[in-house]
Amino acid sequence: MGQTRIHEDVDVYVVFAKGTVVPRAFRWAGRTYTVDTVNQRWSGHNGHVRLYYFAVTAGGNAYKLCFNTQDVHWMLEEVYV
């Protein structure tokens, strides 16, 4: 499986279930990807900014999404194909 760094803004559709954010789909490069599985979630910091990461699968490929709490926006960080 190869890894490609993307680092582009995306729109992410989420639901809040039992106190947890669950990504359901994201829109990237004019296409909507339905999330099949959230494989892992974790958080980290970039200086004082809290970041939330989600490793998801969609359409047979793996993606790493990141939510930036300061700017309140989502990024597609990496694609694994």
PDB file of N, CA and C in Angstrom:
ATOM      1  N   MET A   1       0.849  -1.175   0.000  1.00  0.00           N
ATOM      2  CA  MET A   1       0.000   0.000   0.000  1.00  0.00           C
ATOM      3  C   MET A   1       0.891   1.232   0.000  1.00  0.00           C
ATOM      4  N   GLY A   2       0.685   2.134  -0.981  1.00  0.00           N
ATOM      5  CA  GLY A   2       1.481   3.340  -1.063  1.00  0.00           C
ATOM      6  C   GLY A   2       0.817   4.512  -0.379  1.00  0.00           C
ATOM      7  N   GLN A   3       1.626   5.401   0.148  1.00  0.00           N
ATOM      8  CA  GLN A   3       1.139   6.566   0.883  1.00  0.00           C
ATOM      9  C   GLN A   3       1.417   7.827   0.074  1.00  0.00           C
ATOM     10  N   THR A   4       0.405   8.693  -0.047  1.00  0.00           N
ATOM     11  CA  THR A   4       0.556   9.976  -0.726  1.00  0.00           C
ATOM     12  C   THR A   4       0.105  11.083   0.212  1.00  0.00           C
ATOM     13  N   ARG A   5       0.973  12.056   0.443  1.00  0.00           N
ATOM     14  CA  ARG A   5       0.629  13.214   1.290  1.00  0.00           C
ATOM     15  C   ARG A   5      -0.201  14.167   0.441  1.00  0.00           C
ATOM     16  N   ILE A   6      -1.363  14.566   0.946  1.00  0.00           N
ATOM     17  CA  ILE A   6      -2.278  15.424   0.201  1.00  0.00           C
ATOM     18  C   ILE A   6      -2.327  16.823   0.803  1.00  0.00           C
ATOM     19  N   HIS A   7      -2.708  16.952   2.079  1.00  0.00           N
ATOM     20  CA  HIS A   7      -2.805  18.208   2.818  1.00  0.00           C
ATOM     21  C   HIS A   7      -3.657  19.252   2.078  1.00  0.00           C
ATOM     22  N   GLU A   8      -4.910  18.871   1.774  1.00  0.00           N
ATOM     23  CA  GLU A   8      -5.850  19.768   1.105  1.00  0.00           C
ATOM     24  C   GLU A   8      -7.122  19.904   1.933  1.00  0.00           C
ATOM     25  N   ASP A   9      -7.750  21.071   1.830  1.00  0.00           N
ATOM     26  CA  ASP A   9      -9.034  21.293   2.496  1.00  0.00           C
ATOM     27  C   ASP A   9     -10.090  20.369   1.907  1.00  0.00           C
ATOM     28  N   VAL A  10     -10.954  19.843   2.776  1.00  0.00           N
ATOM     29  CA  VAL A  10     -12.079  19.020   2.355  1.00  0.00           C
ATOM     30  C   VAL A  10     -13.297  19.372   3.198  1.00  0.00           C
ATOM     31  N   ASP A  11     -14.458  19.050   2.674  1.00  0.00           N
ATOM     32  CA  ASP A  11     -15.695  19.132   3.442  1.00  0.00           C
ATOM     33  C   ASP A  11     -15.957  17.746   4.000  1.00  0.00           C
ATOM     34  N   VAL A  12     -16.274  17.666   5.285  1.00  0.00           N
ATOM     35  CA  VAL A  12     -16.530  16.374   5.928  1.00  0.00           C
ATOM     36  C   VAL A  12     -17.919  16.405   6.550  1.00  0.00           C
ATOM     37  N   TYR A  13     -18.670  15.360   6.283  1.00  0.00           N
ATOM     38  CA  TYR A  13     -20.004  15.199   6.847  1.00  0.00           C
ATOM     39  C   TYR A  13     -19.886  14.259   8.032  1.00  0.00           C
ATOM     40  N   VAL A  14     -20.296  14.722   9.210  1.00  0.00           N
ATOM     41  CA  VAL A  14     -20.134  13.928  10.428  1.00  0.00           C
ATOM     42  C   VAL A  14     -21.473  13.780  11.142  1.00  0.00           C
ATOM     43  N   VAL A  15     -21.521  12.786  12.017  1.00  0.00           N
ATOM     44  CA  VAL A  15     -22.616  12.659  12.969  1.00  0.00           C
ATOM     45  C   VAL A  15     -21.989  12.634  14.352  1.00  0.00           C
ATOM     46  N   PHE A  16     -22.748  13.048  15.314  1.00  0.00           N
ATOM     47  CA  PHE A  16     -22.320  12.985  16.703  1.00  0.00           C
ATOM     48  C   PHE A  16     -23.102  11.856  17.348  1.00  0.00           C
ATOM     49  N   ALA A  17     -22.400  10.798  17.736  1.00  0.00           N
ATOM     50  CA  ALA A  17     -23.047   9.618  18.302  1.00  0.00           C
ATOM     51  C   ALA A  17     -22.406   9.280  19.639  1.00  0.00           C
ATOM     52  N   LYS A  18     -23.203   9.290  20.687  1.00  0.00           N
ATOM     53  CA  LYS A  18     -22.734   8.924  22.029  1.00  0.00           C
ATOM     54  C   LYS A  18     -21.494   9.724  22.431  1.00  0.00           C
ATOM     55  N   GLY A  19     -21.509  11.021  22.142  1.00  0.00           N
ATOM     56  CA  GLY A  19     -20.414  11.897  22.536  1.00  0.00           C
ATOM     57  C   GLY A  19     -19.174  11.805  21.659  1.00  0.00           C
ATOM     58  N   THR A  20     -19.285  11.140  20.516  1.00  0.00           N
ATOM     59  CA  THR A  20     -18.144  10.943  19.627  1.00  0.00           C
ATOM     60  C   THR A  20     -18.452  11.488  18.238  1.00  0.00           C
ATOM     61  N   VAL A  21     -17.472  12.131  17.620  1.00  0.00           N
ATOM     62  CA  VAL A  21     -17.600  12.582  16.238  1.00  0.00           C
ATOM     63  C   VAL A  21     -17.311  11.394  15.324  1.00  0.00           C
ATOM     64  N   VAL A  22     -18.218  11.147  14.376  1.00  0.00           N
ATOM     65  CA  VAL A  22     -18.057  10.025  13.454  1.00  0.00           C
ATOM     66  C   VAL A  22     -18.147  10.547  12.014  1.00  0.00           C
ATOM     67  N   PRO A  23     -17.013  10.599  11.291  1.00  0.00           N
ATOM     68  CA  PRO A  23     -17.070  11.017   9.891  1.00  0.00           C
ATOM     69  C   PRO A  23     -17.867   9.990   9.071  1.00  0.00           C
ATOM     70  N   ARG A  24     -18.793  10.486   8.250  1.00  0.00           N
ATOM     71  CA  ARG A  24     -19.620   9.610   7.404  1.00  0.00           C
ATOM     72  C   ARG A  24     -19.269   9.726   5.930  1.00  0.00           C
ATOM     73  N   ALA A  25     -18.793  10.910   5.522  1.00  0.00           N
ATOM     74  CA  ALA A  25     -18.410  11.127   4.123  1.00  0.00           C
ATOM     75  C   ALA A  25     -17.537  12.366   4.053  1.00  0.00           C
ATOM     76  N   PHE A  26     -16.782  12.481   2.956  1.00  0.00           N
ATOM     77  CA  PHE A  26     -16.015  13.706   2.727  1.00  0.00           C
ATOM     78  C   PHE A  26     -15.999  14.020   1.239  1.00  0.00           C
ATOM     79  N   ARG A  27     -15.865  15.293   0.937  1.00  0.00           N
ATOM     80  CA  ARG A  27     -15.836  15.755  -0.449  1.00  0.00           C
ATOM     81  C   ARG A  27     -14.449  16.285  -0.754  1.00  0.00           C
ATOM     82  N   TRP A  28     -13.836  15.689  -1.772  1.00  0.00           N
ATOM     83  CA  TRP A  28     -12.476  16.051  -2.170  1.00  0.00           C
ATOM     84  C   TRP A  28     -12.384  16.017  -3.688  1.00  0.00           C
ATOM     85  N   ALA A  29     -11.816  17.056  -4.262  1.00  0.00           N
ATOM     86  CA  ALA A  29     -11.574  17.144  -5.708  1.00  0.00           C
ATOM     87  C   ALA A  29     -12.860  16.905  -6.505  1.00  0.00           C
ATOM     88  N   GLY A  30     -13.974  17.471  -6.009  1.00  0.00           N
ATOM     89  CA  GLY A  30     -15.225  17.376  -6.740  1.00  0.00           C
ATOM     90  C   GLY A  30     -15.965  16.057  -6.614  1.00  0.00           C
ATOM     91  N   ARG A  31     -15.483  15.183  -5.755  1.00  0.00           N
ATOM     92  CA  ARG A  31     -16.109  13.874  -5.591  1.00  0.00           C
ATOM     93  C   ARG A  31     -16.431  13.629  -4.119  1.00  0.00           C
ATOM     94  N   THR A  32     -17.538  12.953  -3.844  1.00  0.00           N
ATOM     95  CA  THR A  32     -17.907  12.602  -2.479  1.00  0.00           C
ATOM     96  C   THR A  32     -17.545  11.154  -2.214  1.00  0.00           C
ATOM     97  N   TYR A  33     -16.843  10.935  -1.107  1.00  0.00           N
ATOM     98  CA  TYR A  33     -16.416   9.602  -0.681  1.00  0.00           C
ATOM     99  C   TYR A  33     -17.203   9.213   0.568  1.00  0.00           C
ATOM    100  N   THR A  34     -17.890   8.106   0.517  1.00  0.00           N
ATOM    101  CA  THR A  34     -18.629   7.605   1.666  1.00  0.00           C
ATOM    102  C   THR A  34     -17.690   6.795   2.545  1.00  0.00           C
ATOM    103  N   VAL A  35     -17.634   7.136   3.821  1.00  0.00           N
ATOM    104  CA  VAL A  35     -16.756   6.436   4.762  1.00  0.00           C
ATOM    105  C   VAL A  35     -17.377   5.088   5.112  1.00  0.00           C
ATOM    106  N   ASP A  36     -16.622   4.030   4.847  1.00  0.00           N
ATOM    107  CA  ASP A  36     -17.068   2.671   5.178  1.00  0.00           C
ATOM    108  C   ASP A  36     -16.768   2.340   6.638  1.00  0.00           C
ATOM    109  N   THR A  37     -15.568   2.728   7.092  1.00  0.00           N
ATOM    110  CA  THR A  37     -15.114   2.386   8.441  1.00  0.00           C
ATOM    111  C   THR A  37     -14.230   3.490   8.995  1.00  0.00           C
ATOM    112  N   VAL A  38     -14.412   3.810  10.267  1.00  0.00           N
ATOM    113  CA  VAL A  38     -13.450   4.647  10.988  1.00  0.00           C
ATOM    114  C   VAL A  38     -12.535   3.662  11.702  1.00  0.00           C
ATOM    115  N   ASN A  39     -11.306   3.557  11.245  1.00  0.00           N
ATOM    116  CA  ASN A  39     -10.365   2.561  11.748  1.00  0.00           C
ATOM    117  C   ASN A  39      -9.660   2.986  13.025  1.00  0.00           C
ATOM    118  N   GLN A  40      -9.422   4.287  13.128  1.00  0.00           N
ATOM    119  CA  GLN A  40      -8.683   4.794  14.285  1.00  0.00           C
ATOM    120  C   GLN A  40      -8.973   6.278  14.440  1.00  0.00           C
ATOM    121  N   ARG A  41      -8.909   6.756  15.679  1.00  0.00           N
ATOM    122  CA  ARG A  41      -9.035   8.185  15.956  1.00  0.00           C
ATOM    123  C   ARG A  41      -8.044   8.543  17.047  1.00  0.00           C
ATOM    124  N   TRP A  42      -7.450   9.715  16.948  1.00  0.00           N
ATOM    125  CA  TRP A  42      -6.497  10.186  17.952  1.00  0.00           C
ATOM    126  C   TRP A  42      -6.419  11.701  17.868  1.00  0.00           C
ATOM    127  N   SER A  43      -5.787  12.298  18.837  1.00  0.00           N
ATOM    128  CA  SER A  43      -5.642  13.749  18.841  1.00  0.00           C
ATOM    129  C   SER A  43      -4.181  14.107  19.076  1.00  0.00           C
ATOM    130  N   GLY A  44      -3.855  15.328  18.734  1.00  0.00           N
ATOM    131  CA  GLY A  44      -2.506  15.827  18.920  1.00  0.00           C
ATOM    132  C   GLY A  44      -2.533  17.343  18.931  1.00  0.00           C
ATOM    133  N   HIS A  45      -1.359  17.930  18.931  1.00  0.00           N
ATOM    134  CA  HIS A  45      -1.230  19.385  18.953  1.00  0.00           C
ATOM    135  C   HIS A  45      -0.242  19.848  17.891  1.00  0.00           C
ATOM    136  N   ASN A  46      -0.493  21.022  17.364  1.00  0.00           N
ATOM    137  CA  ASN A  46       0.470  21.738  16.533  1.00  0.00           C
ATOM    138  C   ASN A  46       0.652  23.070  17.243  1.00  0.00           C
ATOM    139  N   GLY A  47       1.652  23.145  18.109  1.00  0.00           N
ATOM    140  CA  GLY A  47       1.781  24.295  19.000  1.00  0.00           C
ATOM    141  C   GLY A  47       0.649  24.250  20.004  1.00  0.00           C
ATOM    142  N   HIS A  48      -0.145  25.309  20.070  1.00  0.00           N
ATOM    143  CA  HIS A  48      -1.273  25.350  21.003  1.00  0.00           C
ATOM    144  C   HIS A  48      -2.588  24.904  20.353  1.00  0.00           C
ATOM    145  N   VAL A  49      -2.546  24.522  19.078  1.00  0.00           N
ATOM    146  CA  VAL A  49      -3.761  24.146  18.342  1.00  0.00           C
ATOM    147  C   VAL A  49      -4.034  22.648  18.502  1.00  0.00           C
ATOM    148  N   ARG A  50      -5.232  22.317  18.950  1.00  0.00           N
ATOM    149  CA  ARG A  50      -5.648  20.920  19.109  1.00  0.00           C
ATOM    150  C   ARG A  50      -6.131  20.389  17.760  1.00  0.00           C
ATOM    151  N   LEU A  51      -5.612  19.219  17.379  1.00  0.00           N
ATOM    152  CA  LEU A  51      -5.968  18.565  16.127  1.00  0.00           C
ATOM    153  C   LEU A  51      -6.573  17.198  16.431  1.00  0.00           C
ATOM    154  N   TYR A  52      -7.598  16.834  15.694  1.00  0.00           N
ATOM    155  CA  TYR A  52      -8.214  15.513  15.814  1.00  0.00           C
ATOM    156  C   TYR A  52      -8.043  14.785  14.491  1.00  0.00           C
ATOM    157  N   TYR A  53      -7.524  13.571  14.549  1.00  0.00           N
ATOM    158  CA  TYR A  53      -7.254  12.771  13.363  1.00  0.00           C
ATOM    159  C   TYR A  53      -8.176  11.568  13.299  1.00  0.00           C
ATOM    160  N   PHE A  54      -8.522  11.195  12.063  1.00  0.00           N
ATOM    161  CA  PHE A  54      -9.375  10.042  11.819  1.00  0.00           C
ATOM    162  C   PHE A  54      -8.796   9.252  10.653  1.00  0.00           C
ATOM    163  N   ALA A  55      -8.482   7.992  10.879  1.00  0.00           N
ATOM    164  CA  ALA A  55      -8.070   7.085   9.811  1.00  0.00           C
ATOM    165  C   ALA A  55      -9.321   6.359   9.357  1.00  0.00           C
ATOM    166  N   VAL A  56      -9.691   6.547   8.092  1.00  0.00           N
ATOM    167  CA  VAL A  56     -10.931   5.981   7.581  1.00  0.00           C
ATOM    168  C   VAL A  56     -10.664   5.198   6.302  1.00  0.00           C
ATOM    169  N   THR A  57     -11.596   4.306   5.977  1.00  0.00           N
ATOM    170  CA  THR A  57     -11.584   3.660   4.674  1.00  0.00           C
ATOM    171  C   THR A  57     -12.830   4.077   3.916  1.00  0.00           C
ATOM    172  N   ALA A  58     -12.652   4.242   2.605  1.00  0.00           N
ATOM    173  CA  ALA A  58     -13.754   4.622   1.720  1.00  0.00           C
ATOM    174  C   ALA A  58     -13.449   4.057   0.338  1.00  0.00           C
ATOM    175  N   GLY A  59     -14.355   3.270  -0.169  1.00  0.00           N
ATOM    176  CA  GLY A  59     -14.171   2.726  -1.518  1.00  0.00           C
ATOM    177  C   GLY A  59     -12.926   1.885  -1.689  1.00  0.00           C
ATOM    178  N   GLY A  60     -12.512   1.195  -0.641  1.00  0.00           N
ATOM    179  CA  GLY A  60     -11.346   0.318  -0.740  1.00  0.00           C
ATOM    180  C   GLY A  60     -10.007   0.973  -0.490  1.00  0.00           C
ATOM    181  N   ASN A  61      -9.975   2.289  -0.319  1.00  0.00           N
ATOM    182  CA  ASN A  61      -8.741   2.999  -0.017  1.00  0.00           C
ATOM    183  C   ASN A  61      -8.791   3.551   1.403  1.00  0.00           C
ATOM    184  N   ALA A  62      -7.633   3.886   1.943  1.00  0.00           N
ATOM    185  CA  ALA A  62      -7.536   4.429   3.296  1.00  0.00           C
ATOM    186  C   ALA A  62      -7.145   5.907   3.214  1.00  0.00           C
ATOM    187  N   TYR A  63      -7.696   6.695   4.143  1.00  0.00           N
ATOM    188  CA  TYR A  63      -7.478   8.139   4.168  1.00  0.00           C
ATOM    189  C   TYR A  63      -7.242   8.601   5.597  1.00  0.00           C
ATOM    190  N   LYS A  64      -6.461   9.668   5.747  1.00  0.00           N
ATOM    191  CA  LYS A  64      -6.286  10.288   7.060  1.00  0.00           C
ATOM    192  C   LYS A  64      -6.864  11.698   6.999  1.00  0.00           C
ATOM    193  N   LEU A  65      -7.922  11.922   7.796  1.00  0.00           N
ATOM    194  CA  LEU A  65      -8.570  13.217   7.896  1.00  0.00           C
ATOM    195  C   LEU A  65      -8.121  13.908   9.175  1.00  0.00           C
ATOM    196  N   CYS A  66      -8.066  15.232   9.147  1.00  0.00           N
ATOM    197  CA  CYS A  66      -7.656  16.000  10.322  1.00  0.00           C
ATOM    198  C   CYS A  66      -8.605  17.178  10.519  1.00  0.00           C
ATOM    199  N   PHE A  67      -9.085  17.344  11.755  1.00  0.00           N
ATOM    200  CA  PHE A  67      -9.916  18.492  12.109  1.00  0.00           C
ATOM    201  C   PHE A  67      -9.101  19.447  12.960  1.00  0.00           C
ATOM    202  N   ASN A  68      -8.992  20.696  12.504  1.00  0.00           N
ATOM    203  CA  ASN A  68      -8.250  21.749  13.193  1.00  0.00           C
ATOM    204  C   ASN A  68      -9.244  22.552  14.023  1.00  0.00           C
ATOM    205  N   THR A  69      -9.093  22.532  15.342  1.00  0.00           N
ATOM    206  CA  THR A  69     -10.054  23.195  16.226  1.00  0.00           C
ATOM    207  C   THR A  69      -9.907  24.713  16.231  1.00  0.00           C
ATOM    208  N   GLN A  70      -8.748  25.234  15.883  1.00  0.00           N
ATOM    209  CA  GLN A  70      -8.579  26.690  15.874  1.00  0.00           C
ATOM    210  C   GLN A  70      -9.265  27.303  14.659  1.00  0.00           C
ATOM    211  N   ASP A  71      -9.007  26.735  13.484  1.00  0.00           N
ATOM    212  CA  ASP A  71      -9.586  27.263  12.251  1.00  0.00           C
ATOM    213  C   ASP A  71     -10.951  26.656  11.939  1.00  0.00           C
ATOM    214  N   VAL A  72     -11.334  25.648  12.700  1.00  0.00           N
ATOM    215  CA  VAL A  72     -12.584  24.923  12.527  1.00  0.00           C
ATOM    216  C   VAL A  72     -12.743  24.477  11.068  1.00  0.00           C
ATOM    217  N   HIS A  73     -11.730  23.730  10.609  1.00  0.00           N
ATOM    218  CA  HIS A  73     -11.815  23.182   9.260  1.00  0.00           C
ATOM    219  C   HIS A  73     -11.145  21.815   9.194  1.00  0.00           C
ATOM    220  N   TRP A  74     -11.477  21.103   8.125  1.00  0.00           N
ATOM    221  CA  TRP A  74     -10.978  19.744   7.897  1.00  0.00           C
ATOM    222  C   TRP A  74      -9.949  19.736   6.783  1.00  0.00           C
ATOM    223  N   MET A  75      -8.979  18.828   6.918  1.00  0.00           N
ATOM    224  CA  MET A  75      -7.974  18.599   5.884  1.00  0.00           C
ATOM    225  C   MET A  75      -7.898  17.108   5.582  1.00  0.00           C
ATOM    226  N   LEU A  76      -7.677  16.793   4.316  1.00  0.00           N
ATOM    227  CA  LEU A  76      -7.298  15.430   3.952  1.00  0.00           C
ATOM    228  C   LEU A  76      -5.777  15.424   3.976  1.00  0.00           C
ATOM    229  N   GLU A  77      -5.211  14.699   4.922  1.00  0.00           N
ATOM    230  CA  GLU A  77      -3.762  14.698   5.108  1.00  0.00           C
ATOM    231  C   GLU A  77      -3.058  13.694   4.199  1.00  0.00           C
ATOM    232  N   GLU A  78      -3.586  12.469   4.139  1.00  0.00           N
ATOM    233  CA  GLU A  78      -2.907  11.405   3.388  1.00  0.00           C
ATOM    234  C   GLU A  78      -3.914  10.450   2.766  1.00  0.00           C
ATOM    235  N   VAL A  79      -3.467   9.808   1.686  1.00  0.00           N
ATOM    236  CA  VAL A  79      -4.233   8.752   1.017  1.00  0.00           C
ATOM    237  C   VAL A  79      -3.318   7.544   0.924  1.00  0.00           C
ATOM    238  N   TYR A  80      -3.879   6.375   1.218  1.00  0.00           N
ATOM    239  CA  TYR A  80      -3.140   5.104   1.127  1.00  0.00           C
ATOM    240  C   TYR A  80      -3.861   4.236   0.101  1.00  0.00           C
ATOM    241  N   VAL A  81      -3.197   3.946  -1.008  1.00  0.00           N
ATOM    242  CA  VAL A  81      -3.806   3.108  -2.056  1.00  0.00           C
ATOM    243  C   VAL A  81      -2.915   1.933  -2.392  1.00  0.00           C
TER     244      VAL A  81
END
